[in-house]
Amino acid sequence: MPFAHPLAPYARTGVPWWKVPGIDAQPRERAFLVGVDLYQQKSFLSLADSLTELALLSTTSGLEVVGELTQKLDRPHVKTYIGPGKVDELKHLVEETLSQVIIFDDELSPRHQRELQEIMGRNVRVLDRTALILDIFAQHAHTSEGMLQVELAQYEYYLPRLTGQWTHLERQAGGGGGRAGSTGGVGLRGPGETQLEVDKRAIRKRISHLKKELEKVRAHRMRYRAQRKRSRIPTVALVGYTNAGKSTLLNKITKSDVFVADQLFATLDPTTRRVELPGGYQALFTDTVGFIQKLPTTLVEAFHATLEEIVESDLLLHVVGSDYFRFGWNRSQRLVGDYPARAL
């Protein structure tokens, strides 16, 4: 049976989708994908399906995928996530394809990212799925609430990785002068560390501010939900995988004009519309942010107030597109049901 990922109906051709002409003629940064099949790690998708999903995320972010590399491992390599031999192969393929970005399908630790970045050089950026999804959310966040949530998730993700921004000072600091154990020259090592700590303190302060602002958002939503409950109008939350057609269904049911696009995470903020039901009854239908496998924990936590709209609903209407049957109803149902529980 030809490949039919739930997010990529056009992938039925059986060839790598980035080789299909006519998808997008605009010049974009070239991305090379890396996927690892870890024996002890359970996944909702096969490695091939997961990489197809990663390719679609890359396209949504504005990248052009030019190739992929896979490896099976018992556990990630302690320094570079993939094995040393695969690192050499990856470096060769990146140079051969003129790639500018490397994207790993799993979240890299700060050390993994730092070691890989040093090996690949300054002309190639090493990212992971989490950074890619955060970038998409940043592009699609248009309301103040959405932007607050995305900014918080970005800061919490990048804070432990901030040291990588100061490696240039470490390289300049080589010289061996000064106190025992010092690798820095006069006027280099100290200021570098000081600036790093200043940046970290500023980010922690910003994170604290964002959390307070989002608590206000959460309190506002709680008051709004309490008001709805007093009206005794039942609420229905449309839930499902990203790009499954939730916004399209909301427009059809409510005769609204909610923004619809054939792209991942087009909807970030809940949208509620009143619907007149047969018999004179009414209901409130809410369109919610879509889910995806390996959704970053920082995003789940940052979107706490938004996900509460799902938990507090009277009915969850799980929207599943026709292409999702290969994906498997049971796996999709478990995935969608998992994230509200994780967040709350």
C-alpha atoms as a PDB file:
ATOM      1  CA  MET A   1       0.000   0.000   0.000  1.00  0.00           C
ATOM      2  CA  PRO A   2       1.482   3.441  -0.884  1.00  0.00           C
ATOM      3  CA  PHE A   3       2.569   5.561   2.048  1.00  0.00           C
ATOM      4  CA  ALA A   4      -0.177   7.777   3.471  1.00  0.00           C
ATOM      5  CA  HIS A   5       0.848   9.707   6.545  1.00  0.00           C
ATOM      6  CA  PRO A   6      -2.082  11.460   8.208  1.00  0.00           C
ATOM      7  CA  LEU A   7      -0.463  14.847   7.641  1.00  0.00           C
ATOM      8  CA  ALA A   8       0.805  14.167   4.137  1.00  0.00           C
ATOM      9  CA  PRO A   9      -1.825  12.867   1.736  1.00  0.00           C
ATOM     10  CA  TYR A  10       0.319  13.971  -1.186  1.00  0.00           C
ATOM     11  CA  ALA A  11       3.069  11.564  -0.091  1.00  0.00           C
ATOM     12  CA  ARG A  12       1.248   8.647  -1.763  1.00  0.00           C
ATOM     13  CA  THR A  13       3.687   8.832  -4.684  1.00  0.00           C
ATOM     14  CA  GLY A  14       6.066   6.550  -2.799  1.00  0.00           C
ATOM     15  CA  VAL A  15       9.110   8.786  -3.364  1.00  0.00           C
ATOM     16  CA  PRO A  16      10.665  11.209  -0.851  1.00  0.00           C
ATOM     17  CA  TRP A  17       8.309  14.175  -0.846  1.00  0.00           C
ATOM     18  CA  TRP A  18      11.087  16.765  -1.071  1.00  0.00           C
ATOM     19  CA  LYS A  19      11.908  15.369  -4.548  1.00  0.00           C
ATOM     20  CA  VAL A  20       8.370  15.972  -5.808  1.00  0.00           C
ATOM     21  CA  PRO A  21       8.489  19.090  -8.042  1.00  0.00           C
ATOM     22  CA  GLY A  22       6.147  22.009  -7.688  1.00  0.00           C
ATOM     23  CA  ILE A  23       5.651  21.991  -3.905  1.00  0.00           C
ATOM     24  CA  ASP A  24       7.231  25.407  -3.417  1.00  0.00           C
ATOM     25  CA  ALA A  25       9.446  27.189  -5.912  1.00  0.00           C
ATOM     26  CA  GLN A  26      10.594  29.897  -3.511  1.00  0.00           C
ATOM     27  CA  PRO A  27      14.243  29.668  -2.369  1.00  0.00           C
ATOM     28  CA  ARG A  28      14.464  28.461   1.224  1.00  0.00           C
ATOM     29  CA  GLU A  29      17.097  27.281   3.648  1.00  0.00           C
ATOM     30  CA  ARG A  30      18.132  23.687   3.013  1.00  0.00           C
ATOM     31  CA  ALA A  31      17.496  21.261   5.876  1.00  0.00           C
ATOM     32  CA  PHE A  32      18.828  17.763   6.507  1.00  0.00           C
ATOM     33  CA  LEU A  33      16.825  15.504   8.830  1.00  0.00           C
ATOM     34  CA  VAL A  34      18.175  12.952  11.319  1.00  0.00           C
ATOM     35  CA  GLY A  35      16.062  10.227  12.923  1.00  0.00           C
ATOM     36  CA  VAL A  36      17.062   7.669  15.560  1.00  0.00           C
ATOM     37  CA  ASP A  37      15.137   4.493  16.361  1.00  0.00           C
ATOM     38  CA  LEU A  38      15.778   3.840  20.067  1.00  0.00           C
ATOM     39  CA  TYR A  39      14.877   0.285  21.059  1.00  0.00           C
ATOM     40  CA  GLN A  40      13.696   1.212  24.568  1.00  0.00           C
ATOM     41  CA  GLN A  41      11.668   4.237  23.440  1.00  0.00           C
ATOM     42  CA  LYS A  42       8.000   3.728  22.585  1.00  0.00           C
ATOM     43  CA  SER A  43       6.649   5.925  19.807  1.00  0.00           C
ATOM     44  CA  PHE A  44       3.213   6.497  18.311  1.00  0.00           C
ATOM     45  CA  LEU A  45       4.724   6.528  14.823  1.00  0.00           C
ATOM     46  CA  SER A  46       7.298   4.428  13.027  1.00  0.00           C
ATOM     47  CA  LEU A  47      10.625   6.114  12.316  1.00  0.00           C
ATOM     48  CA  ALA A  48       9.686   6.593   8.648  1.00  0.00           C
ATOM     49  CA  ASP A  49       6.336   8.175   9.535  1.00  0.00           C
ATOM     50  CA  SER A  50       7.934  10.346  12.195  1.00  0.00           C
ATOM     51  CA  LEU A  51      10.497  11.671   9.712  1.00  0.00           C
ATOM     52  CA  THR A  52       7.733  12.439   7.203  1.00  0.00           C
ATOM     53  CA  GLU A  53       6.006  14.406   9.936  1.00  0.00           C
ATOM     54  CA  LEU A  54       9.284  16.190  10.712  1.00  0.00           C
ATOM     55  CA  ALA A  55       9.622  17.051   7.020  1.00  0.00           C
ATOM     56  CA  LEU A  56       6.149  18.617   7.079  1.00  0.00           C
ATOM     57  CA  LEU A  57       7.058  20.597  10.173  1.00  0.00           C
ATOM     58  CA  SER A  58      10.167  21.799   8.342  1.00  0.00           C
ATOM     59  CA  THR A  59       8.104  22.893   5.350  1.00  0.00           C
ATOM     60  CA  THR A  60       5.666  24.732   7.612  1.00  0.00           C
ATOM     61  CA  SER A  61       8.621  26.552   9.144  1.00  0.00           C
ATOM     62  CA  GLY A  62       9.833  27.618   5.683  1.00  0.00           C
ATOM     63  CA  LEU A  63      12.642  25.111   5.105  1.00  0.00           C
ATOM     64  CA  GLU A  64      13.448  22.899   2.131  1.00  0.00           C
ATOM     65  CA  VAL A  65      14.261  19.308   3.119  1.00  0.00           C
ATOM     66  CA  VAL A  66      17.060  17.858   0.988  1.00  0.00           C
ATOM     67  CA  GLY A  67      17.772  14.530   2.684  1.00  0.00           C
ATOM     68  CA  GLU A  68      17.633  12.359   5.767  1.00  0.00           C
ATOM     69  CA  LEU A  69      19.803  10.015   7.804  1.00  0.00           C
ATOM     70  CA  THR A  70      18.642   7.286  10.210  1.00  0.00           C
ATOM     71  CA  GLN A  71      20.221   5.027  12.800  1.00  0.00           C
ATOM     72  CA  LYS A  72      19.060   2.324  15.233  1.00  0.00           C
ATOM     73  CA  LEU A  73      20.522   2.510  18.725  1.00  0.00           C
ATOM     74  CA  ASP A  74      20.014   0.918  22.125  1.00  0.00           C
ATOM     75  CA  ARG A  75      20.534   4.338  23.717  1.00  0.00           C
ATOM     76  CA  PRO A  76      21.735   7.782  22.568  1.00  0.00           C
ATOM     77  CA  HIS A  77      25.475   8.308  22.332  1.00  0.00           C
ATOM     78  CA  VAL A  78      26.637  10.188  25.419  1.00  0.00           C
ATOM     79  CA  LYS A  79      28.318  13.007  23.464  1.00  0.00           C
ATOM     80  CA  THR A  80      26.691  13.288  20.036  1.00  0.00           C
ATOM     81  CA  TYR A  81      23.359  11.411  20.320  1.00  0.00           C
ATOM     82  CA  ILE A  82      24.183   9.406  17.162  1.00  0.00           C
ATOM     83  CA  GLY A  83      27.338   7.293  16.901  1.00  0.00           C
ATOM     84  CA  PRO A  84      30.713   8.762  15.840  1.00  0.00           C
ATOM     85  CA  GLY A  85      30.567   6.970  12.475  1.00  0.00           C
ATOM     86  CA  LYS A  86      27.130   8.416  11.757  1.00  0.00           C
ATOM     87  CA  VAL A  87      28.362  11.867  12.764  1.00  0.00           C
ATOM     88  CA  ASP A  88      31.084  11.623  10.100  1.00  0.00           C
ATOM     89  CA  GLU A  89      28.531  10.397   7.553  1.00  0.00           C
ATOM     90  CA  LEU A  90      26.164  13.223   8.495  1.00  0.00           C
ATOM     91  CA  LYS A  91      28.884  15.835   8.090  1.00  0.00           C
ATOM     92  CA  HIS A  92      29.724  14.478   4.637  1.00  0.00           C
ATOM     93  CA  LEU A  93      26.059  14.415   3.539  1.00  0.00           C
ATOM     94  CA  VAL A  94      25.461  17.933   4.833  1.00  0.00           C
ATOM     95  CA  GLU A  95      28.412  19.220   2.833  1.00  0.00           C
ATOM     96  CA  GLU A  96      27.334  17.243  -0.236  1.00  0.00           C
ATOM     97  CA  THR A  97      23.754  18.592  -0.150  1.00  0.00           C
ATOM     98  CA  LEU A  98      24.799  22.137   0.807  1.00  0.00           C
ATOM     99  CA  SER A  99      22.507  21.948   3.836  1.00  0.00           C
ATOM    100  CA  GLN A 100      22.338  24.918   6.177  1.00  0.00           C
ATOM    101  CA  VAL A 101      20.258  23.348   8.941  1.00  0.00           C
ATOM    102  CA  ILE A 102      20.354  19.918  10.611  1.00  0.00           C
ATOM    103  CA  ILE A 103      17.179  18.885  12.432  1.00  0.00           C
ATOM    104  CA  PHE A 104      17.039  15.907  14.801  1.00  0.00           C
ATOM    105  CA  ASP A 105      13.666  14.231  15.244  1.00  0.00           C
ATOM    106  CA  ASP A 106      14.118  13.994  19.032  1.00  0.00           C
ATOM    107  CA  GLU A 107      14.960  16.680  21.559  1.00  0.00           C
ATOM    108  CA  LEU A 108      18.719  17.048  22.012  1.00  0.00           C
ATOM    109  CA  SER A 109      20.274  17.738  25.380  1.00  0.00           C
ATOM    110  CA  PRO A 110      22.310  20.953  25.650  1.00  0.00           C
ATOM    111  CA  ARG A 111      25.490  18.850  25.568  1.00  0.00           C
ATOM    112  CA  HIS A 112      24.436  16.894  22.473  1.00  0.00           C
ATOM    113  CA  GLN A 113      23.592  20.110  20.670  1.00  0.00           C
ATOM    114  CA  ARG A 114      26.833  21.792  21.732  1.00  0.00           C
ATOM    115  CA  GLU A 115      29.049  18.853  20.672  1.00  0.00           C
ATOM    116  CA  LEU A 116      27.291  18.436  17.323  1.00  0.00           C
ATOM    117  CA  GLN A 117      27.391  22.167  16.625  1.00  0.00           C
ATOM    118  CA  GLU A 118      31.137  22.239  17.220  1.00  0.00           C
ATOM    119  CA  ILE A 119      31.682  19.316  14.847  1.00  0.00           C
ATOM    120  CA  MET A 120      29.437  20.704  12.093  1.00  0.00           C
ATOM    121  CA  GLY A 121      30.880  24.220  12.245  1.00  0.00           C
ATOM    122  CA  ARG A 122      29.402  27.694  12.342  1.00  0.00           C
ATOM    123  CA  ASN A 123      27.919  27.585   8.850  1.00  0.00           C
ATOM    124  CA  VAL A 124      25.415  24.851   9.786  1.00  0.00           C
ATOM    125  CA  ARG A 125      22.802  25.184  12.548  1.00  0.00           C
ATOM    126  CA  VAL A 126      21.985  22.113  14.631  1.00  0.00           C
ATOM    127  CA  LEU A 127      18.360  22.068  15.814  1.00  0.00           C
ATOM    128  CA  ASP A 128      15.891  19.520  17.137  1.00  0.00           C
ATOM    129  CA  ARG A 129      12.165  18.876  16.756  1.00  0.00           C
ATOM    130  CA  THR A 130      11.405  21.004  19.811  1.00  0.00           C
ATOM    131  CA  ALA A 131      13.176  24.087  18.423  1.00  0.00           C
ATOM    132  CA  LEU A 132      11.392  23.581  15.097  1.00  0.00           C
ATOM    133  CA  ILE A 133       7.923  23.396  16.688  1.00  0.00           C
ATOM    134  CA  LEU A 134       8.710  26.437  18.834  1.00  0.00           C
ATOM    135  CA  ASP A 135       9.624  28.337  15.668  1.00  0.00           C
ATOM    136  CA  ILE A 136       6.316  27.388  14.025  1.00  0.00           C
ATOM    137  CA  PHE A 137       4.370  28.467  17.100  1.00  0.00           C
ATOM    138  CA  ALA A 138       6.255  31.775  17.129  1.00  0.00           C
ATOM    139  CA  GLN A 139       5.281  32.378  13.486  1.00  0.00           C
ATOM    140  CA  HIS A 140       1.608  31.543  14.079  1.00  0.00           C
ATOM    141  CA  ALA A 141       1.060  33.307  17.418  1.00  0.00           C
ATOM    142  CA  HIS A 142      -0.961  36.458  16.736  1.00  0.00           C
ATOM    143  CA  THR A 143      -2.926  37.133  19.935  1.00  0.00           C
ATOM    144  CA  SER A 144      -1.363  38.496  23.113  1.00  0.00           C
ATOM    145  CA  GLU A 145      -2.159  35.259  24.940  1.00  0.00           C
ATOM    146  CA  GLY A 146      -0.605  33.121  22.229  1.00  0.00           C
ATOM    147  CA  MET A 147       2.531  35.241  22.090  1.00  0.00           C
ATOM    148  CA  LEU A 148       2.924  35.113  25.879  1.00  0.00           C
ATOM    149  CA  GLN A 149       2.640  31.326  25.880  1.00  0.00           C
ATOM    150  CA  VAL A 150       5.100  30.850  23.037  1.00  0.00           C
ATOM    151  CA  GLU A 151       7.613  33.309  24.513  1.00  0.00           C
ATOM    152  CA  LEU A 152       7.548  31.450  27.835  1.00  0.00           C
ATOM    153  CA  ALA A 153       8.116  28.103  26.129  1.00  0.00           C
ATOM    154  CA  GLN A 154      11.001  29.515  24.091  1.00  0.00           C
ATOM    155  CA  TYR A 155      12.778  31.017  27.097  1.00  0.00           C
ATOM    156  CA  GLU A 156      12.423  27.812  29.143  1.00  0.00           C
ATOM    157  CA  TYR A 157      13.817  25.783  26.257  1.00  0.00           C
ATOM    158  CA  TYR A 158      16.753  28.078  25.467  1.00  0.00           C
ATOM    159  CA  LEU A 159      17.818  28.969  29.040  1.00  0.00           C
ATOM    160  CA  PRO A 160      19.871  25.777  29.652  1.00  0.00           C
ATOM    161  CA  ARG A 161      21.342  26.122  26.155  1.00  0.00           C
ATOM    162  CA  LEU A 162      22.494  29.703  26.619  1.00  0.00           C
ATOM    163  CA  THR A 163      26.112  28.740  27.315  1.00  0.00           C
ATOM    164  CA  GLY A 164      26.507  27.856  23.659  1.00  0.00           C
ATOM    165  CA  GLN A 165      26.197  31.545  22.783  1.00  0.00           C
ATOM    166  CA  TRP A 166      29.438  32.292  24.653  1.00  0.00           C
ATOM    167  CA  THR A 167      31.768  29.638  23.210  1.00  0.00           C
ATOM    168  CA  HIS A 168      33.476  32.362  21.157  1.00  0.00           C
ATOM    169  CA  LEU A 169      34.731  33.898  24.422  1.00  0.00           C
ATOM    170  CA  GLU A 170      36.044  30.524  25.553  1.00  0.00           C
ATOM    171  CA  ARG A 171      38.001  30.154  22.326  1.00  0.00           C
ATOM    172  CA  GLN A 172      39.436  33.660  22.640  1.00  0.00           C
ATOM    173  CA  ALA A 173      40.288  32.922  26.272  1.00  0.00           C
ATOM    174  CA  GLY A 174      42.850  30.246  25.448  1.00  0.00           C
ATOM    175  CA  GLY A 175      46.281  31.244  26.650  1.00  0.00           C
ATOM    176  CA  GLY A 176      46.885  29.648  29.992  1.00  0.00           C
ATOM    177  CA  GLY A 177      47.638  32.831  31.928  1.00  0.00           C
ATOM    178  CA  GLY A 178      46.252  33.653  35.345  1.00  0.00           C
ATOM    179  CA  ARG A 179      45.290  31.468  38.294  1.00  0.00           C
ATOM    180  CA  ALA A 180      45.623  27.707  38.361  1.00  0.00           C
ATOM    181  CA  GLY A 181      43.034  25.931  36.238  1.00  0.00           C
ATOM    182  CA  SER A 182      42.234  29.055  34.253  1.00  0.00           C
ATOM    183  CA  THR A 183      41.974  28.767  30.481  1.00  0.00           C
ATOM    184  CA  GLY A 184      41.348  32.454  29.876  1.00  0.00           C
ATOM    185  CA  GLY A 185      43.414  35.500  29.206  1.00  0.00           C
ATOM    186  CA  VAL A 186      43.153  38.786  31.058  1.00  0.00           C
ATOM    187  CA  GLY A 187      39.891  40.585  30.352  1.00  0.00           C
ATOM    188  CA  LEU A 188      38.250  37.662  28.543  1.00  0.00           C
ATOM    189  CA  ARG A 189      37.258  34.813  30.832  1.00  0.00           C
ATOM    190  CA  GLY A 190      35.696  36.899  33.620  1.00  0.00           C
ATOM    191  CA  PRO A 191      33.584  39.252  31.442  1.00  0.00           C
ATOM    192  CA  GLY A 192      32.323  36.290  29.424  1.00  0.00           C
ATOM    193  CA  GLU A 193      31.071  34.498  32.493  1.00  0.00           C
ATOM    194  CA  THR A 194      29.651  37.694  33.945  1.00  0.00           C
ATOM    195  CA  GLN A 195      27.693  38.511  30.795  1.00  0.00           C
ATOM    196  CA  LEU A 196      26.377  34.959  30.668  1.00  0.00           C
ATOM    197  CA  GLU A 197      25.087  35.220  34.224  1.00  0.00           C
ATOM    198  CA  VAL A 198      23.562  38.629  33.479  1.00  0.00           C
ATOM    199  CA  ASP A 199      21.724  37.118  30.503  1.00  0.00           C
ATOM    200  CA  LYS A 200      20.516  34.163  32.559  1.00  0.00           C
ATOM    201  CA  ARG A 201      19.215  36.421  35.327  1.00  0.00           C
ATOM    202  CA  ALA A 202      17.415  38.579  32.772  1.00  0.00           C
ATOM    203  CA  ILE A 203      15.791  35.516  31.201  1.00  0.00           C
ATOM    204  CA  ARG A 204      14.749  34.088  34.591  1.00  0.00           C
ATOM    205  CA  LYS A 205      13.209  37.454  35.460  1.00  0.00           C
ATOM    206  CA  ARG A 206      11.345  37.491  32.147  1.00  0.00           C
ATOM    207  CA  ILE A 207      10.140  33.906  32.696  1.00  0.00           C
ATOM    208  CA  SER A 208       8.799  34.893  36.124  1.00  0.00           C
ATOM    209  CA  HIS A 209       6.979  37.880  34.590  1.00  0.00           C
ATOM    210  CA  LEU A 210       5.471  35.759  31.809  1.00  0.00           C
ATOM    211  CA  LYS A 211       4.200  33.177  34.288  1.00  0.00           C
ATOM    212  CA  LYS A 212       2.478  35.905  36.298  1.00  0.00           C
ATOM    213  CA  GLU A 213       0.862  37.291  33.154  1.00  0.00           C
ATOM    214  CA  LEU A 214      -0.324  33.829  32.139  1.00  0.00           C
ATOM    215  CA  GLU A 215      -1.785  33.305  35.609  1.00  0.00           C
ATOM    216  CA  LYS A 216      -3.930  36.377  34.917  1.00  0.00           C
ATOM    217  CA  VAL A 217      -4.983  34.809  31.618  1.00  0.00           C
ATOM    218  CA  ARG A 218      -5.826  31.581  33.409  1.00  0.00           C
ATOM    219  CA  ALA A 219      -7.864  33.444  36.039  1.00  0.00           C
ATOM    220  CA  HIS A 220      -9.751  35.299  33.301  1.00  0.00           C
ATOM    221  CA  ARG A 221     -10.555  32.035  31.532  1.00  0.00           C
ATOM    222  CA  MET A 222     -11.721  30.500  34.808  1.00  0.00           C
ATOM    223  CA  ARG A 223     -14.137  33.390  35.376  1.00  0.00           C
ATOM    224  CA  TYR A 224     -15.388  33.095  31.807  1.00  0.00           C
ATOM    225  CA  ARG A 225     -15.954  29.341  32.204  1.00  0.00           C
ATOM    226  CA  ALA A 226     -17.795  29.904  35.502  1.00  0.00           C
ATOM    227  CA  GLN A 227     -20.070  32.361  33.719  1.00  0.00           C
ATOM    228  CA  ARG A 228     -20.736  29.813  30.975  1.00  0.00           C
ATOM    229  CA  LYS A 229     -21.563  27.122  33.530  1.00  0.00           C
ATOM    230  CA  ARG A 230     -24.092  29.407  35.193  1.00  0.00           C
ATOM    231  CA  SER A 231     -25.787  29.790  31.821  1.00  0.00           C
ATOM    232  CA  ARG A 232     -26.053  25.969  31.662  1.00  0.00           C
ATOM    233  CA  ILE A 233     -25.023  25.951  28.013  1.00  0.00           C
ATOM    234  CA  PRO A 234     -23.026  22.755  27.299  1.00  0.00           C
ATOM    235  CA  THR A 235     -19.554  23.134  25.797  1.00  0.00           C
ATOM    236  CA  VAL A 236     -18.037  20.936  23.092  1.00  0.00           C
ATOM    237  CA  ALA A 237     -14.276  20.981  22.457  1.00  0.00           C
ATOM    238  CA  LEU A 238     -13.013  19.970  19.014  1.00  0.00           C
ATOM    239  CA  VAL A 239      -9.793  18.036  19.618  1.00  0.00           C
ATOM    240  CA  GLY A 240      -7.454  16.091  17.382  1.00  0.00           C
ATOM    241  CA  TYR A 241      -4.168  15.962  15.552  1.00  0.00           C
ATOM    242  CA  THR A 242      -2.888  19.169  14.011  1.00  0.00           C
ATOM    243  CA  ASN A 243      -4.273  19.858  10.533  1.00  0.00           C
ATOM    244  CA  ALA A 244      -7.055  17.282  10.996  1.00  0.00           C
ATOM    245  CA  GLY A 245      -9.742  19.787   9.976  1.00  0.00           C
ATOM    246  CA  LYS A 246     -11.010  21.072  13.335  1.00  0.00           C
ATOM    247  CA  SER A 247     -11.282  24.705  12.215  1.00  0.00           C
ATOM    248  CA  THR A 248     -12.975  23.657   8.971  1.00  0.00           C
ATOM    249  CA  LEU A 249     -15.526  21.639  10.945  1.00  0.00           C
ATOM    250  CA  LEU A 250     -16.141  24.565  13.313  1.00  0.00           C
ATOM    251  CA  ASN A 251     -16.819  26.856  10.359  1.00  0.00           C
ATOM    252  CA  LYS A 252     -19.198  24.305   8.861  1.00  0.00           C
ATOM    253  CA  ILE A 253     -21.146  23.762  12.086  1.00  0.00           C
ATOM    254  CA  THR A 254     -21.300  27.378  13.200  1.00  0.00           C
ATOM    255  CA  LYS A 255     -21.274  29.123   9.779  1.00  0.00           C
ATOM    256  CA  SER A 256     -18.249  31.129  10.956  1.00  0.00           C
ATOM    257  CA  ASP A 257     -15.144  32.340   9.162  1.00  0.00           C
ATOM    258  CA  VAL A 258     -12.418  31.154  11.539  1.00  0.00           C
ATOM    259  CA  PHE A 259      -8.981  31.171   9.878  1.00  0.00           C
ATOM    260  CA  VAL A 260      -8.327  27.903   8.029  1.00  0.00           C
ATOM    261  CA  ALA A 261      -5.068  26.841   6.364  1.00  0.00           C
ATOM    262  CA  ASP A 262      -3.632  23.553   5.126  1.00  0.00           C
ATOM    263  CA  GLN A 263      -0.661  23.791   7.470  1.00  0.00           C
ATOM    264  CA  LEU A 264       0.426  22.507  10.853  1.00  0.00           C
ATOM    265  CA  PHE A 265      -0.618  24.481  13.955  1.00  0.00           C
ATOM    266  CA  ALA A 266      -2.593  27.113  12.070  1.00  0.00           C
ATOM    267  CA  THR A 267      -4.739  27.444  15.222  1.00  0.00           C
ATOM    268  CA  LEU A 268      -3.061  28.283  18.537  1.00  0.00           C
ATOM    269  CA  ASP A 269      -5.788  30.080  20.481  1.00  0.00           C
ATOM    270  CA  PRO A 270      -9.165  28.577  21.402  1.00  0.00           C
ATOM    271  CA  THR A 271     -12.080  29.990  19.420  1.00  0.00           C
ATOM    272  CA  THR A 272     -15.624  29.526  20.764  1.00  0.00           C
ATOM    273  CA  ARG A 273     -18.852  29.896  18.798  1.00  0.00           C
ATOM    274  CA  ARG A 274     -22.499  29.455  19.827  1.00  0.00           C
ATOM    275  CA  VAL A 275     -24.544  26.899  17.875  1.00  0.00           C
ATOM    276  CA  GLU A 276     -28.323  26.547  17.658  1.00  0.00           C
ATOM    277  CA  LEU A 277     -29.241  22.875  17.980  1.00  0.00           C
ATOM    278  CA  PRO A 278     -32.501  21.134  16.969  1.00  0.00           C
ATOM    279  CA  GLY A 279     -35.289  21.496  19.517  1.00  0.00           C
ATOM    280  CA  GLY A 280     -34.289  25.016  20.514  1.00  0.00           C
ATOM    281  CA  TYR A 281     -31.188  23.929  22.425  1.00  0.00           C
ATOM    282  CA  GLN A 282     -27.827  25.711  22.290  1.00  0.00           C
ATOM    283  CA  ALA A 283     -24.193  24.609  22.635  1.00  0.00           C
ATOM    284  CA  LEU A 284     -20.783  26.264  22.591  1.00  0.00           C
ATOM    285  CA  PHE A 285     -18.229  24.725  20.222  1.00  0.00           C
ATOM    286  CA  THR A 286     -14.540  25.462  20.843  1.00  0.00           C
ATOM    287  CA  ASP A 287     -11.729  24.977  18.336  1.00  0.00           C
ATOM    288  CA  THR A 288      -8.491  24.045  20.140  1.00  0.00           C
ATOM    289  CA  VAL A 289      -4.785  23.826  19.365  1.00  0.00           C
ATOM    290  CA  GLY A 290      -3.917  20.565  17.602  1.00  0.00           C
ATOM    291  CA  PHE A 291      -1.678  17.872  19.002  1.00  0.00           C
ATOM    292  CA  ILE A 292       1.321  16.101  17.564  1.00  0.00           C
ATOM    293  CA  GLN A 293       3.613  13.339  18.743  1.00  0.00           C
ATOM    294  CA  LYS A 294       6.647  14.494  20.741  1.00  0.00           C
ATOM    295  CA  LEU A 295       5.001  17.833  21.496  1.00  0.00           C
ATOM    296  CA  PRO A 296       7.575  19.739  23.598  1.00  0.00           C
ATOM    297  CA  THR A 297       6.925  19.622  27.335  1.00  0.00           C
ATOM    298  CA  THR A 298       7.669  23.340  27.571  1.00  0.00           C
ATOM    299  CA  LEU A 299       4.810  24.045  25.158  1.00  0.00           C
ATOM    300  CA  VAL A 300       2.389  21.771  27.011  1.00  0.00           C
ATOM    301  CA  GLU A 301       3.171  23.581  30.263  1.00  0.00           C
ATOM    302  CA  ALA A 302       3.086  27.053  28.691  1.00  0.00           C
ATOM    303  CA  PHE A 303      -0.318  26.349  27.105  1.00  0.00           C
ATOM    304  CA  HIS A 304      -1.772  25.257  30.453  1.00  0.00           C
ATOM    305  CA  ALA A 305      -4.535  27.887  30.367  1.00  0.00           C
ATOM    306  CA  THR A 306      -5.462  26.947  26.805  1.00  0.00           C
ATOM    307  CA  LEU A 307      -5.561  23.210  27.497  1.00  0.00           C
ATOM    308  CA  GLU A 308      -7.891  23.784  30.437  1.00  0.00           C
ATOM    309  CA  GLU A 309     -10.555  24.637  27.849  1.00  0.00           C
ATOM    310  CA  ILE A 310     -10.393  20.982  26.789  1.00  0.00           C
ATOM    311  CA  VAL A 311     -10.484  19.522  30.295  1.00  0.00           C
ATOM    312  CA  GLU A 312     -13.392  21.704  31.407  1.00  0.00           C
ATOM    313  CA  SER A 313     -15.572  20.921  28.379  1.00  0.00           C
ATOM    314  CA  ASP A 314     -18.710  18.807  28.691  1.00  0.00           C
ATOM    315  CA  LEU A 315     -17.914  16.831  25.558  1.00  0.00           C
ATOM    316  CA  LEU A 316     -14.740  16.145  23.553  1.00  0.00           C
ATOM    317  CA  LEU A 317     -15.360  15.725  19.829  1.00  0.00           C
ATOM    318  CA  HIS A 318     -12.315  13.954  18.403  1.00  0.00           C
ATOM    319  CA  VAL A 319     -11.823  15.054  14.793  1.00  0.00           C
ATOM    320  CA  VAL A 320     -10.080  12.399  12.687  1.00  0.00           C
ATOM    321  CA  GLY A 321      -9.403  12.851   8.969  1.00  0.00           C
ATOM    322  CA  SER A 322      -9.774   9.996   6.490  1.00  0.00           C
ATOM    323  CA  ASP A 323      -6.004   9.691   6.112  1.00  0.00           C
ATOM    324  CA  TYR A 324      -5.682   8.974   9.835  1.00  0.00           C
ATOM    325  CA  PHE A 325      -6.995   5.418   9.608  1.00  0.00           C
ATOM    326  CA  ARG A 326      -3.552   4.156   8.622  1.00  0.00           C
ATOM    327  CA  PHE A 327      -2.217   6.070  11.595  1.00  0.00           C
ATOM    328  CA  GLY A 328      -4.610   4.073  13.765  1.00  0.00           C
ATOM    329  CA  TRP A 329      -7.627   5.300  15.678  1.00  0.00           C
ATOM    330  CA  ASN A 330      -6.455   3.865  19.009  1.00  0.00           C
ATOM    331  CA  ARG A 331      -2.999   5.458  18.796  1.00  0.00           C
ATOM    332  CA  SER A 332      -4.476   8.798  17.778  1.00  0.00           C
ATOM    333  CA  GLN A 333      -6.978   8.618  20.622  1.00  0.00           C
ATOM    334  CA  ARG A 334      -4.257   7.864  23.201  1.00  0.00           C
ATOM    335  CA  LEU A 335      -2.075  10.682  21.870  1.00  0.00           C
ATOM    336  CA  VAL A 336      -4.845  13.277  21.974  1.00  0.00           C
ATOM    337  CA  GLY A 337      -5.972  12.188  25.431  1.00  0.00           C
ATOM    338  CA  ASP A 338      -2.452  12.232  26.873  1.00  0.00           C
ATOM    339  CA  TYR A 339      -1.551  15.930  26.602  1.00  0.00           C
ATOM    340  CA  PRO A 340      -4.323  17.501  28.676  1.00  0.00           C
ATOM    341  CA  ALA A 341      -3.506  14.993  31.408  1.00  0.00           C
ATOM    342  CA  ARG A 342       0.192  15.866  31.215  1.00  0.00           C
ATOM    343  CA  ALA A 343      -0.525  19.573  31.399  1.00  0.00           C
ATOM    344  CA  LEU A 344      -2.972  19.398  34.286  1.00  0.00           C
END
